[in-house]
Amino acid sequence: MKTLYSILLTTISTFSVNCFALNTEQAPLSIDLWQQGKTLNFSAPARLDTTILTAKANNLAIEYPLAATLFDESKQAQAEVSELKYSVLYSLIQQDLAAHPFYQFVQRQQFSKRVISSIDLDQIRLKDTKNPLLAGHFTLVAPKRNNKIWYIGNLNSVHSFRSLTGLSITDQQTQLKNMLGQEIQSPILIYPDGKVVESKMGYWLNEQFYLPPMTIVYVPFEHYATSDLDKNIVKLLTFLKMPQ
């Protein structure tokens, strides 16, 4: 009975994998190279490592894996992200924030759903699970590493500064207050790979912590835990291709 069950389970698993392969083979693959003005067109689905090597041959190499991301450009994904973007903009208007710098920031940005984040070719080669077969329309964003940290949200402007690496949050606040001219309370951190961290001031007060280059520090307009507006904004910011 156990042997029969194992055979049946293997058969079902094999059937599922084959179905996935058949589904992906129905569509070709195209990948836009962010800010390169190029599109890679494949006549059939291709593995992630193949697309990365092809992008490198077209002058888009991954130099900062944490920020390297594949975004979904399908019509369905674009419709969902556009709906969220306009919902955020409408909510800001309802809060009389249409003239706020953050409203203008959101207006001019490009957003899309993340498919794969933190793309590292070495890791892809080591683990087959990180090397999926791709089919459809995507954008590959692979920015060069820089030490900027963006500060946006409930601030008098959109700011970017060099990373203040190795400072406690107390020291960071002091320096930021001098640079921004205002206090920053309980910001939300959005790392380059889309990971979101809600800062807990009581816990981090005297802790050393690291902000990876190109992190977004979002300052909420309201109390984050109970604010649908701020939660929707943070969700939208995880779809941000690159701050412009």
Protein backbone atom coordinates (compact mmCIF):
# COMPACT_ATOMS: atom_id res chain seq x y z
CA MET A 1 0.00 0.00 0.00
CA LYS A 2 2.81 2.37 0.87
CA THR A 3 4.56 1.55 -2.41
CA LEU A 4 1.35 2.12 -4.36
CA TYR A 5 0.83 5.47 -2.60
CA SER A 6 4.39 6.53 -3.43
CA ILE A 7 3.90 5.64 -7.09
CA LEU A 8 0.59 7.52 -7.20
CA LEU A 9 2.15 10.60 -5.55
CA THR A 10 5.05 10.55 -8.00
CA THR A 11 2.65 10.26 -10.93
CA ILE A 12 0.58 13.22 -9.73
CA SER A 13 3.70 15.35 -9.15
CA THR A 14 5.05 14.51 -12.59
CA PHE A 15 1.72 15.34 -14.19
CA SER A 16 1.64 18.72 -12.41
CA VAL A 17 5.15 19.63 -13.56
CA ASN A 18 4.33 18.64 -17.14
CA CYS A 19 1.18 20.76 -17.05
CA PHE A 20 3.17 23.76 -15.88
CA ALA A 21 5.66 23.24 -18.70
CA LEU A 22 2.87 22.95 -21.26
CA ASN A 23 1.24 26.13 -19.98
CA THR A 24 4.45 28.15 -20.13
CA GLU A 25 5.22 26.87 -23.63
CA GLN A 26 2.07 28.53 -24.95
CA ALA A 27 3.59 32.00 -24.66
CA PRO A 28 6.88 33.50 -25.87
CA LEU A 29 9.10 35.55 -23.59
CA SER A 30 10.04 39.22 -23.80
CA ILE A 31 12.08 41.16 -21.24
CA ASP A 32 12.47 44.93 -21.30
CA LEU A 33 15.85 46.11 -20.03
CA TRP A 34 15.25 49.01 -17.65
CA GLN A 35 16.57 52.32 -18.99
CA GLN A 36 18.41 50.57 -21.82
CA GLY A 37 15.84 51.08 -24.57
CA LYS A 38 16.13 47.38 -25.42
CA THR A 39 13.82 44.38 -25.29
CA LEU A 40 15.04 40.79 -25.26
CA ASN A 41 12.71 38.61 -27.32
CA PHE A 42 12.78 34.83 -26.96
CA SER A 43 10.88 32.51 -29.29
CA ALA A 44 10.15 30.13 -26.41
CA PRO A 45 10.16 30.19 -22.60
CA ALA A 46 13.66 30.45 -21.10
CA ARG A 47 15.27 29.87 -17.73
CA LEU A 48 16.10 32.84 -15.54
CA ASP A 49 19.85 32.27 -15.83
CA THR A 50 19.61 32.36 -19.63
CA THR A 51 17.79 35.70 -19.54
CA ILE A 52 20.35 37.16 -17.11
CA LEU A 53 23.28 36.12 -19.30
CA THR A 54 21.52 37.48 -22.39
CA ALA A 55 20.90 40.78 -20.59
CA LYS A 56 24.59 40.92 -19.65
CA ALA A 57 25.51 40.45 -23.30
CA ASN A 58 23.29 43.47 -23.99
CA ASN A 59 25.11 45.69 -21.48
CA LEU A 60 22.83 45.18 -18.47
CA ALA A 61 24.87 43.31 -15.88
CA ILE A 62 23.73 42.67 -12.31
CA GLU A 63 26.14 44.60 -10.09
CA TYR A 64 23.92 44.90 -7.00
CA PRO A 65 21.88 41.68 -6.61
CA LEU A 66 19.75 42.98 -3.72
CA ALA A 67 18.15 45.54 -6.05
CA ALA A 68 17.97 43.34 -9.16
CA THR A 69 14.32 42.56 -9.81
CA LEU A 70 12.11 41.05 -12.48
CA PHE A 71 8.77 42.86 -12.77
CA ASP A 72 5.55 41.55 -14.29
CA GLU A 73 4.34 43.57 -17.29
CA SER A 74 1.25 41.48 -18.06
CA LYS A 75 -1.99 43.35 -18.66
CA GLN A 76 -3.54 41.89 -15.51
CA ALA A 77 -0.60 42.90 -13.31
CA GLN A 78 -0.52 46.38 -14.81
CA ALA A 79 -4.25 46.83 -14.23
CA GLU A 80 -3.95 45.80 -10.56
CA VAL A 81 -1.00 48.09 -9.91
CA SER A 82 -2.62 51.02 -11.73
CA GLU A 83 -5.75 50.57 -9.63
CA LEU A 84 -3.68 50.68 -6.44
CA LYS A 85 -1.73 53.73 -7.62
CA TYR A 86 -4.86 55.72 -8.45
CA SER A 87 -6.48 54.61 -5.20
CA VAL A 88 -3.49 56.04 -3.30
CA LEU A 89 -3.58 59.28 -5.29
CA TYR A 90 -7.32 59.63 -4.71
CA SER A 91 -6.88 59.03 -0.96
CA LEU A 92 -4.18 61.71 -0.84
CA ILE A 93 -6.55 64.13 -2.58
CA GLN A 94 -9.22 63.28 -0.02
CA GLN A 95 -6.72 64.21 2.69
CA ASP A 96 -6.06 67.58 0.98
CA LEU A 97 -2.56 66.43 0.02
CA ALA A 98 -2.75 66.96 -3.75
CA ALA A 99 -0.14 69.72 -3.50
CA HIS A 100 2.13 67.65 -1.26
CA PRO A 101 5.56 66.67 -2.68
CA PHE A 102 4.80 63.00 -2.06
CA TYR A 103 1.67 63.17 -4.25
CA GLN A 104 3.82 64.51 -7.08
CA PHE A 105 6.41 61.82 -6.38
CA VAL A 106 3.85 59.03 -6.76
CA GLN A 107 2.46 60.56 -9.95
CA ARG A 108 5.75 60.39 -11.82
CA GLN A 109 6.89 56.92 -10.71
CA GLN A 110 6.62 53.63 -12.57
CA PHE A 111 5.25 50.65 -10.67
CA SER A 112 4.80 46.98 -11.44
CA LYS A 113 4.40 43.71 -9.56
CA ARG A 114 7.56 41.94 -8.47
CA VAL A 115 8.04 38.44 -9.82
CA ILE A 116 11.58 37.69 -8.63
CA SER A 117 13.62 39.90 -6.33
CA SER A 118 17.24 39.84 -5.20
CA ILE A 119 18.53 38.15 -8.35
CA ASP A 120 21.96 36.64 -7.81
CA LEU A 121 23.36 34.55 -10.67
CA ASP A 122 25.60 32.53 -8.33
CA GLN A 123 22.62 31.58 -6.17
CA ILE A 124 20.56 30.75 -9.25
CA ARG A 125 23.23 28.32 -10.43
CA LEU A 126 23.39 26.63 -7.03
CA LYS A 127 19.65 26.07 -6.62
CA ASP A 128 17.35 24.86 -9.38
CA THR A 129 14.35 26.25 -7.50
CA LYS A 130 15.76 29.75 -8.06
CA ASN A 131 15.99 29.22 -11.81
CA PRO A 132 12.37 29.08 -13.01
CA LEU A 133 11.18 28.78 -16.58
CA LEU A 134 9.87 32.18 -17.67
CA ALA A 135 7.16 33.02 -20.17
CA GLY A 136 5.35 36.31 -20.70
CA HIS A 137 6.33 39.96 -20.59
CA PHE A 138 8.68 41.31 -17.91
CA THR A 139 11.02 44.17 -17.11
CA LEU A 140 14.46 43.52 -15.66
CA VAL A 141 15.64 46.28 -13.33
CA ALA A 142 19.30 45.97 -12.37
CA PRO A 143 20.58 49.33 -11.09
CA LYS A 144 24.18 50.00 -10.27
CA ARG A 145 24.87 50.12 -6.55
CA ASN A 146 24.95 53.56 -4.99
CA ASN A 147 24.89 54.64 -1.36
CA LYS A 148 21.71 56.69 -1.54
CA ILE A 149 18.85 56.27 0.89
CA TRP A 150 15.52 57.86 -0.06
CA TYR A 151 13.35 59.58 2.56
CA ILE A 152 9.78 60.10 1.41
CA GLY A 153 6.25 60.42 2.73
CA ASN A 154 5.14 62.87 5.39
CA LEU A 155 8.11 65.19 4.85
CA ASN A 156 8.44 68.68 3.44
CA SER A 157 10.15 67.24 0.35
CA VAL A 158 11.52 64.04 -1.17
CA HIS A 159 15.11 63.60 -0.02
CA SER A 160 18.00 61.30 -0.82
CA PHE A 161 21.17 61.14 1.25
CA ARG A 162 24.22 58.96 1.53
CA SER A 163 23.64 55.96 3.75
CA LEU A 164 24.36 56.61 7.43
CA THR A 165 25.75 53.13 7.97
CA GLY A 166 26.52 51.85 11.44
CA LEU A 167 24.65 54.50 13.41
CA SER A 168 22.01 53.78 16.04
CA ILE A 169 18.54 54.98 15.19
CA THR A 170 18.99 57.74 17.79
CA ASP A 171 22.08 59.05 15.99
CA GLN A 172 20.36 58.64 12.64
CA GLN A 173 17.46 60.74 13.88
CA THR A 174 19.81 63.48 15.07
CA GLN A 175 21.60 63.68 11.73
CA LEU A 176 18.37 63.47 9.76
CA LYS A 177 16.79 66.18 11.86
CA ASN A 178 19.70 68.45 10.97
CA MET A 179 19.41 67.58 7.28
CA LEU A 180 15.62 67.52 6.96
CA GLY A 181 14.74 70.12 9.54
CA GLN A 182 12.11 67.87 11.12
CA GLU A 183 11.73 64.81 13.32
CA ILE A 184 11.24 61.33 11.87
CA GLN A 185 9.09 59.03 13.97
CA SER A 186 8.69 55.26 13.43
CA PRO A 187 9.50 55.12 9.71
CA ILE A 188 8.73 52.14 7.50
CA LEU A 189 11.76 50.68 5.74
CA ILE A 190 11.43 49.25 2.25
CA TYR A 191 14.58 47.42 1.23
CA PRO A 192 15.75 47.17 -2.39
CA ASP A 193 14.37 43.62 -2.62
CA GLY A 194 10.90 44.80 -1.58
CA LYS A 195 11.10 43.56 2.01
CA VAL A 196 9.19 45.80 4.43
CA VAL A 197 10.30 46.45 8.01
CA GLU A 198 8.21 48.47 10.44
CA SER A 199 10.61 50.21 12.80
CA LYS A 200 9.95 49.70 16.49
CA MET A 201 11.47 52.74 18.13
CA GLY A 202 11.51 51.21 21.60
CA TYR A 203 13.45 48.17 20.38
CA TRP A 204 15.78 49.93 17.97
CA LEU A 205 16.43 52.97 20.11
CA ASN A 206 19.98 51.94 21.02
CA GLU A 207 20.47 49.22 18.43
CA GLN A 208 22.96 49.39 15.58
CA PHE A 209 21.20 48.57 12.34
CA TYR A 210 22.07 48.57 8.69
CA LEU A 211 20.18 50.30 5.91
CA PRO A 212 21.23 48.67 2.64
CA PRO A 213 22.06 51.14 -0.12
CA MET A 214 18.98 52.23 -2.06
CA THR A 215 16.59 51.59 0.83
CA ILE A 216 13.42 53.70 0.94
CA VAL A 217 12.53 55.19 4.32
CA TYR A 218 8.83 56.01 4.33
CA VAL A 219 7.42 58.36 6.96
CA PRO A 220 3.68 57.65 7.48
CA PHE A 221 1.04 60.37 7.36
CA GLU A 222 -0.96 58.67 10.13
CA HIS A 223 -0.46 55.97 12.77
CA TYR A 224 0.70 53.13 10.53
CA ALA A 225 -0.92 50.25 12.41
CA THR A 226 -4.40 51.68 11.86
CA SER A 227 -3.93 53.60 8.60
CA ASP A 228 -5.25 52.03 5.39
CA LEU A 229 -3.75 54.95 3.45
CA ASP A 230 -0.22 54.35 4.72
CA LYS A 231 -0.48 50.57 4.30
CA ASN A 232 -1.61 51.01 0.69
CA ILE A 233 1.23 53.46 0.08
CA VAL A 234 3.79 51.00 1.45
CA LYS A 235 2.33 48.20 -0.68
CA LEU A 236 2.58 50.46 -3.73
CA LEU A 237 6.18 51.37 -2.88
CA THR A 238 7.15 47.69 -2.90
CA PHE A 239 6.14 47.77 -6.59
CA LEU A 240 8.35 50.77 -7.35
CA LYS A 241 10.85 50.01 -10.10
CA MET A 242 13.33 52.74 -9.14
CA PRO A 243 12.78 56.18 -7.58
CA GLN A 244 12.80 58.87 -10.27
